Protein backbone atom coordinates (compact mmCIF):
# COMPACT_ATOMS: atom_id res chain seq x y z
CA MET A 1 -20.04 14.86 5.26
CA ASN A 2 -16.30 14.89 5.96
CA THR A 3 -16.28 11.09 5.98
CA ALA A 4 -18.01 10.96 2.59
CA LEU A 5 -15.66 13.51 1.03
CA ALA A 6 -12.58 11.82 2.47
CA ALA A 7 -13.77 8.39 1.28
CA ILE A 8 -14.52 9.70 -2.23
CA PHE A 9 -11.09 11.34 -2.34
CA VAL A 10 -9.34 8.11 -1.32
CA PHE A 11 -11.32 5.88 -3.69
CA MET A 12 -10.99 8.26 -6.63
CA ILE A 13 -7.25 8.87 -6.36
CA VAL A 14 -6.44 5.17 -5.85
CA ILE A 15 -8.64 4.14 -8.79
CA LEU A 16 -7.39 7.02 -10.96
CA PHE A 17 -3.75 6.01 -10.54
CA HIS A 18 -4.56 2.34 -11.15
CA GLU A 19 -6.53 2.91 -14.34
CA PHE A 20 -4.16 5.61 -15.55
CA GLY A 21 -1.37 3.05 -15.33
CA HIS A 22 -3.25 0.74 -17.72
CA PHE A 23 -4.22 3.67 -19.95
CA ILE A 24 -0.88 5.44 -20.38
CA THR A 25 1.01 2.16 -20.89
CA ALA A 26 -1.53 1.03 -23.50
CA LYS A 27 -1.04 4.33 -25.33
CA MET A 28 2.75 4.00 -25.11
CA VAL A 29 2.77 0.56 -26.76
CA GLY A 30 0.28 1.63 -29.44
CA ILE A 31 -2.97 0.02 -28.29
CA LYS A 32 -6.25 1.70 -29.22
CA VAL A 33 -8.17 2.73 -26.08
CA HIS A 34 -11.92 3.19 -26.60
CA GLU A 35 -12.77 4.41 -23.08
CA PHE A 36 -11.02 5.54 -19.94
CA SER A 37 -13.56 5.55 -17.10
CA ILE A 38 -13.30 6.47 -13.43
CA GLY A 39 -16.23 5.13 -11.41
CA MET A 40 -18.96 2.67 -12.29
CA GLY A 41 -22.63 2.97 -13.27
CA PRO A 42 -24.30 5.81 -15.21
CA ARG A 43 -22.15 8.60 -16.60
CA LEU A 44 -21.89 11.94 -14.87
CA PHE A 45 -19.55 13.45 -17.44
CA HIS A 46 -17.75 12.39 -20.59
CA LYS A 47 -15.65 13.91 -23.32
CA THR A 48 -14.27 12.34 -26.46
CA LYS A 49 -10.77 13.24 -27.53
CA GLY A 50 -9.17 11.44 -30.44
CA GLU A 51 -10.06 7.76 -30.34
CA THR A 52 -10.78 7.71 -26.58
CA ASP A 53 -13.90 8.59 -24.60
CA TYR A 54 -13.05 9.92 -21.12
CA SER A 55 -15.81 9.51 -18.53
CA ILE A 56 -16.63 9.92 -14.86
CA ARG A 57 -19.39 7.70 -13.52
CA VAL A 58 -21.67 7.82 -10.48
CA LEU A 59 -20.18 5.17 -8.18
CA PRO A 60 -16.55 5.84 -7.11
CA ILE A 61 -15.86 2.15 -6.43
CA GLY A 62 -14.03 1.14 -9.58
CA GLY A 63 -13.04 2.07 -13.08
CA TYR A 64 -11.82 0.55 -16.30
CA VAL A 65 -9.85 1.04 -19.49
CA ARG A 66 -11.61 -0.50 -22.51
CA MET A 67 -9.04 -1.48 -25.13
CA GLU A 68 -9.51 -2.77 -28.64
CA GLY A 69 -9.19 -6.57 -28.75
CA GLU A 70 -8.75 -7.08 -25.02
CA ASP A 71 -11.78 -9.34 -24.51
CA GLU A 72 -12.67 -10.11 -28.10
CA SER A 73 -10.99 -11.06 -31.35
CA SER A 74 -9.80 -8.14 -33.48
CA ASN A 75 -7.75 -7.78 -36.64
CA ASP A 76 -6.95 -4.15 -35.91
CA PRO A 77 -3.12 -3.80 -35.76
CA LYS A 78 -3.63 -1.47 -32.77
CA SER A 79 -5.61 -4.08 -30.83
CA PHE A 80 -4.46 -5.53 -27.51
CA ASN A 81 -4.29 -9.09 -28.83
CA LYS A 82 -2.00 -8.09 -31.71
CA LYS A 83 0.74 -6.73 -29.46
CA PRO A 84 3.74 -8.79 -28.23
CA ILE A 85 3.25 -10.66 -24.95
CA GLY A 86 5.79 -8.45 -23.17
CA SER A 87 3.83 -5.32 -24.07
CA ARG A 88 0.53 -6.88 -23.02
CA ILE A 89 1.93 -8.03 -19.66
CA LEU A 90 3.31 -4.55 -19.05
CA VAL A 91 -0.09 -2.96 -19.81
CA VAL A 92 -1.90 -5.31 -17.41
CA ALA A 93 0.70 -4.97 -14.64
CA ALA A 94 0.91 -1.17 -14.98
CA GLY A 95 -2.19 -0.61 -12.84
CA ALA A 96 -0.65 -2.25 -9.79
CA ILE A 97 2.71 -0.61 -10.47
CA MET A 98 1.04 2.81 -10.42
CA ASN A 99 -0.64 1.91 -7.11
CA PHE A 100 2.79 1.23 -5.62
CA ILE A 101 4.08 4.54 -7.06
CA LEU A 102 1.08 6.37 -5.56
CA ALA A 103 1.84 4.77 -2.19
CA ILE A 104 5.45 5.98 -2.35
CA ILE A 105 4.25 9.50 -3.23
CA VAL A 106 1.69 9.81 -0.41
CA PHE A 107 3.95 8.12 2.15
CA THR A 108 6.69 10.57 1.13
CA ILE A 109 4.29 13.47 1.77
CA VAL A 110 3.35 11.90 5.11
CA SER A 111 7.01 11.42 6.02
CA TYR A 112 7.81 15.04 5.18
CA GLY A 113 4.74 16.31 7.03
CA THR A 114 5.49 14.42 10.23
CA GLY A 115 9.27 14.39 9.85
CA MET A 116 11.54 11.37 10.02
CA PRO A 117 12.87 10.13 13.38
CA THR A 118 16.58 10.66 14.05
CA THR A 119 18.95 9.06 16.55
CA ILE A 120 18.86 12.22 18.71
CA ILE A 121 16.72 11.95 21.86
CA ASP A 122 13.98 14.57 22.02
CA GLU A 123 12.34 13.43 25.27
CA VAL A 124 13.08 10.95 28.04
CA ILE A 125 9.98 9.49 29.73
CA VAL A 126 9.98 9.97 33.51
CA ASP A 127 10.66 6.78 35.52
CA SER A 128 11.61 4.84 32.38
CA PRO A 129 14.80 2.74 32.12
CA ALA A 130 16.45 5.54 30.11
CA TYR A 131 15.44 8.16 32.69
CA ASN A 132 16.67 6.08 35.61
CA VAL A 133 20.19 5.65 34.18
CA GLY A 134 20.57 9.31 33.19
CA LEU A 135 19.93 9.56 29.46
CA LYS A 136 18.92 13.12 28.50
CA ALA A 137 17.22 15.03 25.70
CA GLY A 138 19.83 16.04 23.12
CA ASP A 139 21.88 12.85 23.49
CA ARG A 140 22.70 11.24 20.13
CA ILE A 141 22.60 7.44 20.27
CA ILE A 142 25.64 6.14 18.39
CA SER A 143 25.52 2.45 19.32
CA VAL A 144 23.41 -0.18 21.09
CA ASN A 145 25.10 -3.40 22.20
CA ASN A 146 28.16 -2.70 20.03
CA THR A 147 26.02 -2.12 16.91
CA GLU A 148 26.41 1.30 15.27
CA THR A 149 23.05 3.08 15.07
CA LYS A 150 22.92 5.29 11.98
CA SER A 151 19.12 5.34 11.94
CA TRP A 152 16.24 5.29 14.41
CA LYS A 153 15.08 2.04 12.82
CA THR A 154 18.31 0.37 13.97
CA VAL A 155 17.83 1.75 17.49
CA VAL A 156 14.30 0.30 17.67
CA GLU A 157 15.41 -3.06 16.25
CA LYS A 158 18.23 -3.44 18.76
CA ILE A 159 16.09 -2.42 21.73
CA SER A 160 13.27 -4.74 20.59
CA ASP A 161 15.64 -7.65 20.15
CA GLU A 162 14.73 -10.99 21.74
CA LYS A 163 17.66 -10.57 24.13
CA SER A 164 16.15 -7.37 25.54
CA THR A 165 15.44 -9.16 28.81
CA GLU A 166 19.15 -8.70 29.53
CA ASP A 167 21.04 -5.49 30.30
CA MET A 168 22.16 -3.63 27.21
CA GLU A 169 24.87 -1.07 26.59
CA VAL A 170 23.83 2.23 25.06
CA ILE A 171 26.53 4.69 23.97
CA VAL A 172 25.54 8.30 23.29
CA LEU A 173 27.27 11.46 22.20
CA ARG A 174 26.52 14.31 24.63
CA GLY A 175 28.03 17.40 23.10
CA SER A 176 31.51 16.17 22.13
CA GLU A 177 31.73 13.60 24.92
CA LYS A 178 30.87 9.89 24.64
CA LYS A 179 28.91 8.41 27.51
CA GLU A 180 28.09 4.76 28.22
CA PHE A 181 24.94 3.55 29.94
CA LEU A 182 23.84 0.09 31.04
CA LEU A 183 20.09 -0.44 31.22
CA ARG A 184 17.42 -3.10 30.91
CA PRO A 185 14.42 -2.44 28.58
CA GLU A 186 10.88 -2.99 29.83
CA PHE A 187 8.05 -4.64 27.92
CA ASP A 188 5.25 -2.33 26.74
CA LYS A 189 2.03 -4.31 26.23
CA GLU A 190 0.33 -1.50 24.28
CA ILE A 191 2.88 -1.53 21.47
CA ASP A 192 3.89 -5.18 22.10
CA ARG A 193 7.66 -4.73 22.27
CA TYR A 194 10.53 -3.76 24.56
CA VAL A 195 11.20 -0.04 25.10
CA ILE A 196 13.60 2.09 27.13
CA GLY A 197 11.45 5.26 27.33
CA ILE A 198 12.84 7.70 24.76
CA VAL A 199 11.23 9.80 22.03
CA PRO A 200 13.35 10.73 18.98
CA GLN A 201 13.78 14.16 17.45
CA MET A 202 12.04 14.47 14.08
CA LYS A 203 13.80 15.92 11.06
CA LYS A 204 12.16 17.23 7.90
CA SER A 205 14.12 16.84 4.67
CA PHE A 206 13.12 15.92 1.13
CA SER A 207 15.68 13.10 0.82
CA SER A 208 14.74 11.48 4.13
CA ALA A 209 11.03 11.84 3.24
CA ILE A 210 11.55 9.94 -0.03
CA LYS A 211 13.44 7.25 1.84
CA GLY A 212 10.62 7.12 4.37
CA GLY A 213 8.03 6.85 1.57
CA ILE A 214 9.83 3.88 0.04
CA GLU A 215 10.34 2.19 3.42
CA LYS A 216 6.69 2.61 4.42
CA THR A 217 5.53 1.20 1.07
CA GLY A 218 7.83 -1.78 1.55
CA MET A 219 6.57 -2.25 5.10
CA VAL A 220 2.90 -2.34 4.00
CA LEU A 221 3.78 -4.69 1.13
CA GLY A 222 5.44 -6.97 3.68
CA LEU A 223 2.24 -6.92 5.73
CA MET A 224 0.32 -8.05 2.63
CA PHE A 225 2.58 -11.10 2.21
CA GLN A 226 2.23 -11.80 5.93
CA PHE A 227 -1.58 -11.60 5.61
CA LEU A 228 -1.48 -14.00 2.64
CA LYS A 229 0.56 -16.46 4.69
CA MET A 230 -1.93 -16.19 7.56
CA LEU A 231 -4.79 -16.74 5.11
CA PHE A 232 -3.31 -20.02 3.89
CA THR A 233 -2.55 -21.19 7.43
CA GLY A 234 -6.10 -20.46 8.62
CA GLN A 235 -5.14 -17.64 10.98
CA VAL A 236 -7.43 -15.08 9.31
CA LYS A 237 -10.89 -14.68 10.84
CA LYS A 238 -14.06 -13.34 9.26
CA GLY A 239 -13.66 -10.02 11.06
CA ASP A 240 -10.18 -9.52 9.56
CA LEU A 241 -11.65 -8.99 6.07
CA SER A 242 -13.12 -5.66 5.07
CA GLY A 243 -14.94 -4.23 2.05
CA PRO A 244 -15.96 -0.74 0.85
CA VAL A 245 -18.05 -0.06 3.99
CA GLY A 246 -15.12 -0.93 6.22
CA VAL A 247 -12.79 1.23 4.15
CA ILE A 248 -15.21 4.19 4.33
CA TYR A 249 -15.43 3.76 8.12
CA THR A 250 -11.62 3.61 8.43
CA VAL A 251 -11.15 6.67 6.20
CA GLY A 252 -13.76 8.54 8.24
CA GLU A 253 -11.93 7.75 11.47
CA ALA A 254 -8.63 8.88 9.90
CA ALA A 255 -10.23 12.12 8.67
CA LYS A 256 -11.00 13.10 12.27
CA TYR A 257 -7.27 13.42 12.93
CA GLY A 258 -6.32 15.45 9.86
CA PHE A 259 -5.37 15.19 6.21
CA ILE A 260 -2.02 13.52 6.89
CA ASN A 261 -3.86 10.52 8.36
CA VAL A 262 -6.12 10.35 5.29
CA LEU A 263 -3.00 10.31 3.11
CA TYR A 264 -1.55 7.48 5.18
CA ILE A 265 -4.74 5.44 4.70
CA THR A 266 -4.61 6.27 0.97
CA GLY A 267 -1.12 4.80 0.72
CA PHE A 268 -2.14 1.73 2.69
CA ILE A 269 -5.20 1.10 0.50
CA SER A 270 -3.20 1.74 -2.68
CA VAL A 271 -0.66 -0.95 -1.76
CA ASN A 272 -3.55 -3.28 -0.89
CA LEU A 273 -5.20 -2.72 -4.27
CA GLY A 274 -1.96 -3.19 -6.20
CA PHE A 275 -1.04 -6.35 -4.31
CA PHE A 276 -4.53 -7.87 -4.52
CA ASN A 277 -4.77 -7.20 -8.26
CA LEU A 278 -1.54 -9.06 -8.94
CA LEU A 279 -2.79 -12.25 -7.28
CA PRO A 280 -3.39 -14.99 -9.89
CA LEU A 281 -7.13 -15.13 -9.20
CA PRO A 282 -9.65 -15.22 -12.07
CA ALA A 283 -10.89 -11.77 -13.16
CA LEU A 284 -7.89 -10.02 -11.58
CA ASP A 285 -4.87 -8.59 -13.42
CA GLY A 286 -2.65 -11.31 -11.96
CA SER A 287 -4.79 -13.98 -13.61
CA ARG A 288 -4.54 -12.25 -16.99
CA ILE A 289 -0.77 -12.11 -16.61
CA LEU A 290 -0.76 -15.83 -15.72
CA PHE A 291 -2.70 -16.69 -18.91
CA MET A 292 -0.22 -14.66 -20.98
CA LEU A 293 2.72 -16.46 -19.38
CA ILE A 294 1.04 -19.78 -20.21
CA GLU A 295 0.63 -18.52 -23.78
CA LEU A 296 4.33 -17.65 -23.86
CA PHE A 297 5.36 -21.20 -22.86
CA ARG A 298 2.73 -22.93 -25.05
CA GLY A 299 3.53 -20.82 -28.07
CA LYS A 300 -0.17 -20.11 -28.63
CA PRO A 301 -2.96 -18.43 -26.66
CA ILE A 302 -5.59 -20.27 -24.64
CA ASN A 303 -9.03 -20.36 -26.24
CA PRO A 304 -10.47 -16.84 -25.61
CA GLU A 305 -13.91 -18.27 -24.80
CA LYS A 306 -12.48 -20.59 -22.14
CA GLU A 307 -10.37 -17.81 -20.65
CA GLY A 308 -13.36 -15.46 -20.69
CA PHE A 309 -15.49 -18.06 -18.89
CA ILE A 310 -12.85 -18.52 -16.18
CA HIS A 311 -12.65 -14.75 -15.66
CA PHE A 312 -16.46 -14.58 -15.53
CA ILE A 313 -16.62 -17.26 -12.82
CA GLY A 314 -13.91 -15.42 -10.91
CA PHE A 315 -15.83 -12.16 -11.21
CA VAL A 316 -19.00 -13.78 -9.84
CA LEU A 317 -17.06 -15.23 -6.89
CA LEU A 318 -15.50 -11.84 -6.19
CA ILE A 319 -18.95 -10.22 -6.18
CA ILE A 320 -20.18 -12.88 -3.72
CA LEU A 321 -17.13 -12.23 -1.51
CA MET A 322 -17.78 -8.47 -1.73
CA VAL A 323 -21.40 -8.93 -0.64
CA PHE A 324 -20.28 -11.13 2.26
CA VAL A 325 -17.63 -8.72 3.59
CA THR A 326 -19.96 -5.74 3.07
CA TYR A 327 -22.63 -7.43 5.18
CA SER A 328 -20.01 -8.24 7.83
CA ASP A 329 -18.83 -4.61 7.82
CA ILE A 330 -22.38 -3.31 8.27
CA VAL A 331 -22.99 -5.65 11.21
CA ARG A 332 -19.63 -4.85 12.78
CA PHE A 333 -19.60 -1.07 12.42
CA PHE A 334 -23.27 -0.15 12.60
């Protein structure tokens, strides 16, 4: 039950932010919106306000914003196809942009909930390189190999450097006294990098949480580009792809360890959705933006029927891919 509720929460909030991005931007540029729907399939609830019908549907696996003149010809001055290209591109891209904003929000909450690591040592692991040379809890690391360490990220980067097989100099502030230590990091197979055996103190502050939210969003976005590179170089295997079943399983596992973990997965999935939607693949937002850019350079739009056919083919292929990864998820997890 907890898995189902957590999965519904994650799907609904990610979809809500995505579709709300399209919706609010369309309203801002003066496009008539006929329906704003969260979920797919039969309606559970709907209410009409003004020119828009707001609905919640049975299956929390998608949603849509139905705008006047988006997929058909229309002479209505408030139709999608009557607006300037810049406005239309902004409306289409707004869904992904809102996914990135959602990721920053939830990662900020996660960062505040867990705290952000500082350069002050909270714990020294027994028999580790740091322990053996005399580093202690309370020491503030001020430099590693002559590089000033203003953040824990810098400390990790310097310790994990390729030259970590050599002795490194660590300077700390103990009280008001500077102390120098020479130590050699050891390789930790579990986390796949060099470590010296220290745990940082965590600090909770709103400003550092926001910074952490932005950094985590950027980190996940970087992973998406890395995955895309691996995909083109043939390094991605069948088991590396996952669909709704895999997401539900992952959310369920995260839910076992508390709400903060569910939020972290929410941010990760939100970045995934935003990134994937901006890819120039037929039926995705990125493809629609590509067609509008082509229209901008040509000076006239591509035949709507031809564009619609390309999007239809893309949609069919996406459905086939979804069926394939869903089957793989079922075999793998159950």
